[in-house]
């Protein structure tokens, strides 16, 4: 049975549907018959209220549910469309999704090393952490597929990209745990305790590189810091490559106030994503987002691999990025700086700009060249 209501003006009337499981709805003089279950569901959905929203990317409702459907410009939607895995080589790269355990998986990219190549050749491995403020993005998004298929080809490397659990359903340190679990999985392959044909047969486990975009760059530091406290042998971390890491403080930096905001990074995104992702009660001064701040452990305590530290000159985060870079140097870490001039945050992931703007394309190619050269030297 469903009890309806009648509005005072008489224009909309929900009749009692007792006895037949149906309800008559009168609206603007016309009558409609609807099954009670459908009507009840419609009312529940109608009554659900948005309590937080992040400019086009995400909506959080008062019942705790999260909607990540894209409501931004439709011409940009293709960049977040999932790309199915394909085990045949397309443009020199094959991909597959691998389940690591309940709710845990990675996407593996492997380059075609070509006929006549040494069958015993071993390839470096890039363990990749997607960005998205810990709240959005998946390893199979086209924006990542376009970048990491190309990087797999250029660097002749296996790429293992992690499907991270997302906030607010899974607040930090969930994403850090997922990233570190993927590294432990690689360790189990190196030791022969597990087997995945593409990785087990072709990987050089002495050359594992951690790489992450934006918030994924924060994960690079967190995972490397954990790894430095453990014996992962025979696996060895050969380097880490944080790209435009999402380092910030509770107080706005000068660059946050002065640099241009873009669809890939606005101040609203920074504030709201991190409020949904950080442990409840934390501010942006938390050690995860401010690893050089007073709440963070001294960097001198960490055993870190060589670092290629990538920044963008016009990034909102450039001031705090450089602050962390200087802190790493002061702590005696092996860190190289790579600067993309006149570029904004995560510019290389914006396929529209890479395909249509010569400067963005040129700076993207230079970034790839710098990454490939770093990998070859380590």
Protein backbone atom coordinates (compact mmCIF):
# COMPACT_ATOMS: atom_id res chain seq x y z
CA UNK A 1 0.00 0.00 0.00
CA UNK A 2 1.17 3.53 -0.72
CA UNK A 3 -0.36 6.65 0.73
CA UNK A 4 -0.08 9.72 -1.46
CA UNK A 5 -0.95 13.36 -0.99
CA UNK A 6 -2.97 16.09 -2.59
CA UNK A 7 -1.53 19.57 -3.02
CA UNK A 8 -3.70 22.51 -1.97
CA UNK A 9 -4.06 23.87 -5.47
CA UNK A 10 -5.38 20.52 -6.63
CA UNK A 11 -3.01 20.38 -9.57
CA UNK A 12 -1.03 17.36 -8.38
CA UNK A 13 -2.75 14.48 -6.60
CA UNK A 14 -1.35 11.12 -5.40
CA UNK A 15 -4.21 8.69 -4.81
CA UNK A 16 -4.19 5.83 -2.34
CA UNK A 17 -3.11 2.72 -4.21
CA UNK A 18 -4.41 0.19 -1.68
CA UNK A 19 -5.66 -3.02 -3.18
CA UNK A 20 -4.13 -2.93 -6.64
CA UNK A 21 -0.51 -1.91 -6.05
CA UNK A 22 -0.98 1.07 -8.34
CA UNK A 23 -1.23 4.80 -7.78
CA UNK A 24 -2.93 7.40 -9.91
CA UNK A 25 -1.01 10.63 -10.27
CA UNK A 26 -2.85 13.71 -11.49
CA UNK A 27 -0.72 16.54 -12.80
CA UNK A 28 -1.91 19.59 -14.77
CA UNK A 29 -5.25 17.98 -15.42
CA UNK A 30 -3.87 14.69 -16.75
CA UNK A 31 -3.95 11.32 -14.93
CA UNK A 32 -1.06 8.80 -14.85
CA UNK A 33 -1.05 5.33 -13.28
CA UNK A 34 2.25 4.29 -11.72
CA UNK A 35 3.23 1.18 -9.77
CA UNK A 36 3.69 2.03 -6.10
CA UNK A 37 7.25 0.65 -5.96
CA UNK A 38 8.36 2.87 -8.82
CA UNK A 39 6.73 5.89 -7.23
CA UNK A 40 8.30 5.17 -3.86
CA UNK A 41 11.75 4.87 -5.43
CA UNK A 42 11.19 8.10 -7.30
CA UNK A 43 10.30 9.85 -4.06
CA UNK A 44 13.38 8.45 -2.31
CA UNK A 45 15.62 9.67 -5.13
CA UNK A 46 13.83 13.01 -5.16
CA UNK A 47 14.32 13.43 -1.43
CA UNK A 48 18.06 12.64 -1.58
CA UNK A 49 19.96 15.88 -1.03
CA UNK A 50 23.40 16.93 -2.25
CA UNK A 51 25.56 17.87 0.73
CA UNK A 52 28.83 18.44 -1.12
CA UNK A 53 29.86 18.89 -4.73
CA UNK A 54 33.16 19.26 -6.55
CA UNK A 55 32.86 21.29 -9.76
CA UNK A 56 31.62 18.79 -12.31
CA UNK A 57 33.47 15.80 -10.91
CA UNK A 58 31.63 14.48 -7.87
CA UNK A 59 28.49 14.84 -5.75
CA UNK A 60 28.03 13.53 -2.20
CA UNK A 61 24.49 12.95 -0.93
CA UNK A 62 23.07 13.09 2.57
CA UNK A 63 22.61 9.30 2.57
CA UNK A 64 26.37 8.83 2.10
CA UNK A 65 26.17 7.83 -1.57
CA UNK A 66 28.54 9.33 -4.13
CA UNK A 67 27.87 10.14 -7.78
CA UNK A 68 30.96 10.47 -9.98
CA UNK A 69 29.19 10.81 -13.31
CA UNK A 70 30.69 13.59 -15.42
CA UNK A 71 28.60 16.77 -15.62
CA UNK A 72 31.29 19.05 -17.01
CA UNK A 73 31.78 20.02 -20.66
CA UNK A 74 30.78 17.10 -22.88
CA UNK A 75 33.72 17.66 -25.23
CA UNK A 76 36.05 16.67 -22.38
CA UNK A 77 34.15 13.59 -21.21
CA UNK A 78 36.03 11.21 -23.51
CA UNK A 79 39.19 11.69 -21.41
CA UNK A 80 37.59 9.92 -18.44
CA UNK A 81 35.94 7.16 -20.45
CA UNK A 82 37.30 3.71 -19.53
CA UNK A 83 39.47 1.94 -22.11
CA UNK A 84 38.97 -1.85 -22.13
CA UNK A 85 42.06 -3.98 -21.64
CA UNK A 86 43.39 -5.63 -24.80
CA UNK A 87 45.92 -8.45 -24.79
CA UNK A 88 46.73 -7.97 -28.47
CA UNK A 89 49.31 -5.30 -29.26
CA UNK A 90 47.80 -2.00 -30.37
CA UNK A 91 50.34 0.61 -31.42
CA UNK A 92 53.01 -1.50 -29.78
CA UNK A 93 51.42 -2.01 -26.35
CA UNK A 94 49.16 -4.69 -24.84
CA UNK A 95 47.20 -4.35 -21.59
CA UNK A 96 45.49 -6.61 -19.10
CA UNK A 97 43.76 -6.17 -15.74
CA UNK A 98 45.04 -8.41 -12.95
CA UNK A 99 43.18 -9.20 -9.74
CA UNK A 100 45.49 -9.09 -6.72
CA UNK A 101 42.86 -10.04 -4.18
CA UNK A 102 39.34 -9.08 -3.09
CA UNK A 103 38.71 -5.55 -4.32
CA UNK A 104 42.32 -5.08 -5.40
CA UNK A 105 43.56 -4.97 -8.98
CA UNK A 106 46.05 -3.36 -11.32
CA UNK A 107 46.27 -2.64 -15.02
CA UNK A 108 49.45 -3.94 -16.68
CA UNK A 109 50.90 -2.37 -19.84
CA UNK A 110 53.62 -4.27 -21.69
CA UNK A 111 55.44 -3.04 -24.80
CA UNK A 112 56.08 -5.12 -27.87
CA UNK A 113 59.85 -5.54 -27.80
CA UNK A 114 59.82 -6.58 -31.45
CA UNK A 115 60.77 -9.67 -33.41
CA UNK A 116 64.40 -10.58 -33.19
CA UNK A 117 64.84 -8.99 -29.76
CA UNK A 118 66.60 -10.87 -26.99
CA UNK A 119 63.97 -13.26 -25.53
CA UNK A 120 65.75 -12.97 -22.18
CA UNK A 121 65.62 -9.17 -22.13
CA UNK A 122 64.26 -7.83 -18.86
CA UNK A 123 62.31 -4.58 -18.70
CA UNK A 124 62.11 -1.95 -15.96
CA UNK A 125 58.79 -1.64 -14.16
CA UNK A 126 56.90 1.60 -13.51
CA UNK A 127 54.44 1.26 -10.62
CA UNK A 128 51.93 4.04 -11.28
CA UNK A 129 49.47 5.76 -8.93
CA UNK A 130 46.68 7.81 -10.59
CA UNK A 131 45.80 11.28 -9.31
CA UNK A 132 42.36 12.77 -8.73
CA UNK A 133 42.60 14.12 -5.21
CA UNK A 134 42.10 10.59 -3.83
CA UNK A 135 38.40 10.95 -4.78
CA UNK A 136 38.13 10.39 -8.53
CA UNK A 137 39.89 8.71 -11.46
CA UNK A 138 40.61 5.12 -12.37
CA UNK A 139 43.59 3.37 -13.90
CA UNK A 140 41.61 2.61 -17.08
CA UNK A 141 40.67 6.22 -17.90
CA UNK A 142 41.64 7.27 -21.39
CA UNK A 143 43.79 10.15 -20.10
CA UNK A 144 46.02 7.63 -18.32
CA UNK A 145 45.86 5.08 -21.10
CA UNK A 146 47.11 7.67 -23.62
CA UNK A 147 50.05 8.67 -21.42
CA UNK A 148 51.15 5.31 -20.08
CA UNK A 149 50.89 3.34 -23.31
CA UNK A 150 53.20 5.96 -24.81
CA UNK A 151 55.55 5.82 -21.84
CA UNK A 152 55.66 2.02 -21.98
CA UNK A 153 56.76 2.27 -25.63
CA UNK A 154 59.28 5.07 -25.16
CA UNK A 155 60.89 3.69 -22.01
CA UNK A 156 60.58 0.02 -23.03
CA UNK A 157 59.06 -0.53 -19.62
CA UNK A 158 56.25 -2.51 -18.05
CA UNK A 159 53.72 -0.18 -16.44
CA UNK A 160 51.62 -1.42 -13.53
CA UNK A 161 48.86 1.09 -12.75
CA UNK A 162 46.89 0.66 -9.53
CA UNK A 163 43.11 0.87 -9.22
CA UNK A 164 42.94 2.85 -5.98
CA UNK A 165 40.07 2.84 -3.52
CA UNK A 166 38.47 6.27 -3.52
CA UNK A 167 37.38 8.71 -0.83
CA UNK A 168 35.10 9.63 0.80
CA UNK A 169 33.99 5.99 0.94
CA UNK A 170 37.61 5.02 1.69
CA UNK A 171 39.53 7.81 3.37
CA UNK A 172 43.29 7.91 3.61
CA UNK A 173 45.39 5.92 4.26
CA UNK A 174 43.34 3.51 2.07
CA UNK A 175 44.97 4.68 -1.20
CA UNK A 176 48.43 4.45 0.38
CA UNK A 177 47.67 0.90 1.51
CA UNK A 178 46.56 0.02 -2.03
CA UNK A 179 49.73 1.43 -3.55
CA UNK A 180 51.94 -0.38 -1.07
CA UNK A 181 50.01 -3.62 -1.56
CA UNK A 182 50.79 -3.42 -5.27
CA UNK A 183 54.48 -3.03 -4.45
CA UNK A 184 54.29 -6.07 -2.15
CA UNK A 185 52.63 -7.98 -5.00
CA UNK A 186 55.60 -7.15 -7.23
CA UNK A 187 57.86 -8.33 -4.41
CA UNK A 188 56.00 -11.65 -4.28
CA UNK A 189 56.54 -12.03 -8.05
CA UNK A 190 60.25 -11.25 -7.65
CA UNK A 191 60.56 -13.93 -4.97
CA UNK A 192 58.59 -16.50 -6.96
CA UNK A 193 55.85 -16.66 -4.34
CA UNK A 194 53.31 -15.61 -6.99
CA UNK A 195 53.24 -15.64 -10.77
CA UNK A 196 51.84 -13.32 -13.42
CA UNK A 197 53.23 -14.28 -16.85
CA UNK A 198 53.73 -10.84 -18.35
CA UNK A 199 55.44 -9.39 -15.28
CA UNK A 200 57.16 -12.49 -13.91
CA UNK A 201 58.75 -13.40 -17.23
CA UNK A 202 59.80 -9.96 -18.45
CA UNK A 203 60.38 -7.70 -15.42
CA UNK A 204 63.75 -6.55 -14.15
CA UNK A 205 62.92 -6.52 -10.46
CA UNK A 206 66.08 -4.56 -9.69
CA UNK A 207 64.62 -1.59 -11.57
CA UNK A 208 61.26 -0.72 -10.03
CA UNK A 209 60.19 2.93 -10.36
CA UNK A 210 57.35 4.58 -8.47
CA UNK A 211 55.44 7.21 -10.45
CA UNK A 212 52.33 9.23 -9.66
CA UNK A 213 50.34 12.19 -10.95
CA UNK A 214 49.16 14.97 -8.59
CA UNK A 215 47.76 13.20 -5.50
CA UNK A 216 49.43 10.10 -6.94
CA UNK A 217 52.70 11.99 -6.49
CA UNK A 218 51.95 12.13 -2.78
CA UNK A 219 51.50 8.36 -2.85
CA UNK A 220 54.95 8.01 -4.43
CA UNK A 221 56.51 9.57 -1.34
CA UNK A 222 54.32 7.61 1.09
CA UNK A 223 54.95 4.23 -0.57
CA UNK A 224 58.68 4.90 -0.95
CA UNK A 225 58.86 5.87 2.73
CA UNK A 226 57.19 2.62 3.79
CA UNK A 227 59.36 0.58 1.44
CA UNK A 228 62.52 2.08 2.92
CA UNK A 229 61.68 0.47 6.24
CA UNK A 230 61.40 -3.06 4.82
CA UNK A 231 63.51 -5.70 3.15
CA UNK A 232 61.92 -6.17 -0.26
CA UNK A 233 64.81 -8.14 -1.76
CA UNK A 234 65.34 -9.31 -4.39
CA UNK A 235 63.15 -6.39 -5.54
CA UNK A 236 64.85 -3.00 -5.55
CA UNK A 237 63.39 0.48 -5.84
CA UNK A 238 65.56 2.15 -8.47
CA UNK A 239 63.82 5.52 -8.41
CA UNK A 240 60.69 7.53 -7.82
CA UNK A 241 59.04 10.07 -10.12
CA UNK A 242 56.42 12.31 -8.47
CA UNK A 243 54.79 14.50 -11.13
CA UNK A 244 53.20 17.74 -9.89
CA UNK A 245 52.60 16.28 -6.41
CA UNK A 246 49.58 17.70 -4.60
CA UNK A 247 51.58 19.20 -1.76
CA UNK A 248 49.87 22.02 0.11
CA UNK A 249 49.34 23.66 3.48
CA UNK A 250 46.27 24.76 5.41
CA UNK A 251 47.28 28.35 4.60
CA UNK A 252 47.14 29.32 0.93
CA UNK A 253 50.49 29.74 -0.77
CA UNK A 254 51.21 32.72 -3.00
CA UNK A 255 51.06 30.53 -6.12
CA UNK A 256 47.64 29.18 -5.10
CA UNK A 257 46.38 32.75 -5.00
CA UNK A 258 48.10 33.98 -8.17
CA UNK A 259 48.48 31.10 -10.63
CA UNK A 260 45.66 30.27 -13.08
CA UNK A 261 43.06 27.71 -12.12
CA UNK A 262 42.27 25.07 -14.74
CA UNK A 263 39.67 22.32 -15.21
CA UNK A 264 42.33 19.92 -13.89
CA UNK A 265 42.93 21.90 -10.69
CA UNK A 266 40.90 24.59 -8.94
CA UNK A 267 41.10 25.79 -5.36
CA UNK A 268 37.61 24.37 -4.82
CA UNK A 269 38.83 20.95 -5.95
CA UNK A 270 41.85 21.12 -3.65
CA UNK A 271 39.81 22.08 -0.60
CA UNK A 272 36.87 19.74 -1.11
CA UNK A 273 38.73 16.67 -2.34
CA UNK A 274 41.14 16.81 0.57
CA UNK A 275 38.36 17.47 3.10
CA UNK A 276 36.74 14.25 1.82
CA UNK A 277 39.97 12.26 1.66
CA UNK A 278 42.08 13.13 4.68
CA UNK A 279 41.39 11.45 8.03
CA UNK A 280 38.41 13.08 9.73
CA UNK A 281 39.46 16.13 11.71
CA UNK A 282 42.66 16.68 9.72
CA UNK A 283 43.71 19.81 7.86
CA UNK A 284 45.93 20.16 4.81
CA UNK A 285 48.87 20.39 7.24
CA UNK A 286 48.57 16.60 7.62
CA UNK A 287 51.90 14.82 6.84
CA UNK A 288 50.40 13.16 3.75
CA UNK A 289 49.66 16.49 2.05
CA UNK A 290 52.39 18.50 3.77
CA UNK A 291 55.35 16.12 4.09
CA UNK A 292 57.77 18.97 4.89
CA UNK A 293 55.54 20.47 7.61
CA UNK A 294 56.00 20.40 11.39
CA UNK A 295 53.58 17.46 11.79
CA UNK A 296 55.61 15.26 9.39
CA UNK A 297 58.54 13.05 10.44
CA UNK A 298 62.00 14.44 9.57
CA UNK A 299 62.87 13.55 5.97
CA UNK A 300 66.35 12.55 7.11
CA UNK A 301 64.79 9.50 8.77
CA UNK A 302 63.60 8.04 5.45
CA UNK A 303 65.59 5.79 3.15
CA UNK A 304 64.42 7.01 -0.27
CA UNK A 305 65.48 5.99 -3.78
CA UNK A 306 66.77 8.58 -6.30
CA UNK A 307 64.01 11.04 -7.20
CA UNK A 308 63.11 12.79 -10.45
CA UNK A 309 60.96 15.59 -9.06
CA UNK A 310 58.70 17.01 -11.79
CA UNK A 311 57.02 20.40 -11.43
CA UNK A 312 55.07 22.77 -13.68
CA UNK A 313 56.04 26.44 -13.65
CA UNK A 314 52.43 27.74 -13.55
CA UNK A 315 51.04 25.07 -11.21
CA UNK A 316 48.89 26.23 -8.29
CA UNK A 317 51.14 23.99 -6.18
CA UNK A 318 54.48 25.32 -7.49
CA UNK A 319 55.39 27.14 -4.25
CA UNK A 320 54.75 24.15 -1.98
CA UNK A 321 56.26 21.80 -4.58
CA UNK A 322 59.49 23.79 -4.47
CA UNK A 323 59.37 23.96 -0.67
CA UNK A 324 59.30 20.16 -0.50
CA UNK A 325 62.05 19.91 -3.14
CA UNK A 326 64.29 22.15 -1.04
CA UNK A 327 63.48 20.08 2.06
CA UNK A 328 64.50 16.89 0.24
CA UNK A 329 67.80 18.46 -0.79
CA UNK A 330 68.45 19.74 2.73
CA UNK A 331 67.83 16.21 4.03
CA UNK A 332 70.56 14.93 1.71
CA UNK A 333 68.29 13.02 -0.68
CA UNK A 334 69.29 12.22 -4.26
CA UNK A 335 66.79 14.47 -6.05
CA UNK A 336 66.77 15.98 -9.55
CA UNK A 337 64.41 18.77 -10.57
CA UNK A 338 62.54 18.72 -13.88
CA UNK A 339 60.60 21.91 -14.72
CA UNK A 340 57.92 22.19 -17.42
CA UNK A 341 57.96 25.86 -18.37
CA UNK A 342 54.77 27.92 -18.76
CA UNK A 343 52.66 24.84 -18.01
CA UNK A 344 49.88 24.24 -15.48
CA UNK A 345 49.03 21.29 -13.25
CA UNK A 346 48.88 17.89 -14.99
CA UNK A 347 48.94 19.53 -18.44
CA UNK A 348 50.24 16.34 -20.08
CA UNK A 349 47.05 14.48 -19.12
CA UNK A 350 44.86 16.96 -20.99
CA UNK A 351 44.63 15.19 -24.34
CA UNK A 352 42.67 18.04 -25.91
CA UNK A 353 45.53 20.44 -25.17
CA UNK A 354 48.27 17.96 -26.10
CA UNK A 355 46.61 17.30 -29.46
CA UNK A 356 45.77 20.92 -30.29
CA UNK A 357 48.27 23.21 -28.59
CA UNK A 358 51.87 23.10 -29.91
CA UNK A 359 53.37 24.35 -26.63
CA UNK A 360 51.56 21.74 -24.54
CA UNK A 361 52.58 19.03 -26.98
CA UNK A 362 56.23 20.17 -26.93
CA UNK A 363 56.38 20.33 -23.13
CA UNK A 364 54.72 16.90 -22.88
CA UNK A 365 57.35 15.40 -25.18
CA UNK A 366 60.13 17.00 -23.12
CA UNK A 367 58.61 15.61 -19.93
CA UNK A 368 58.52 12.11 -21.43
CA UNK A 369 62.12 12.49 -22.60
CA UNK A 370 63.21 13.48 -19.10
CA UNK A 371 61.42 10.52 -17.53
CA UNK A 372 62.80 8.03 -20.06
CA UNK A 373 66.34 9.35 -19.61
CA UNK A 374 66.05 9.08 -15.80
CA UNK A 375 64.86 5.48 -16.08
CA UNK A 376 67.69 4.56 -18.45
CA UNK A 377 70.28 6.00 -16.03
CA UNK A 378 68.91 4.00 -13.12
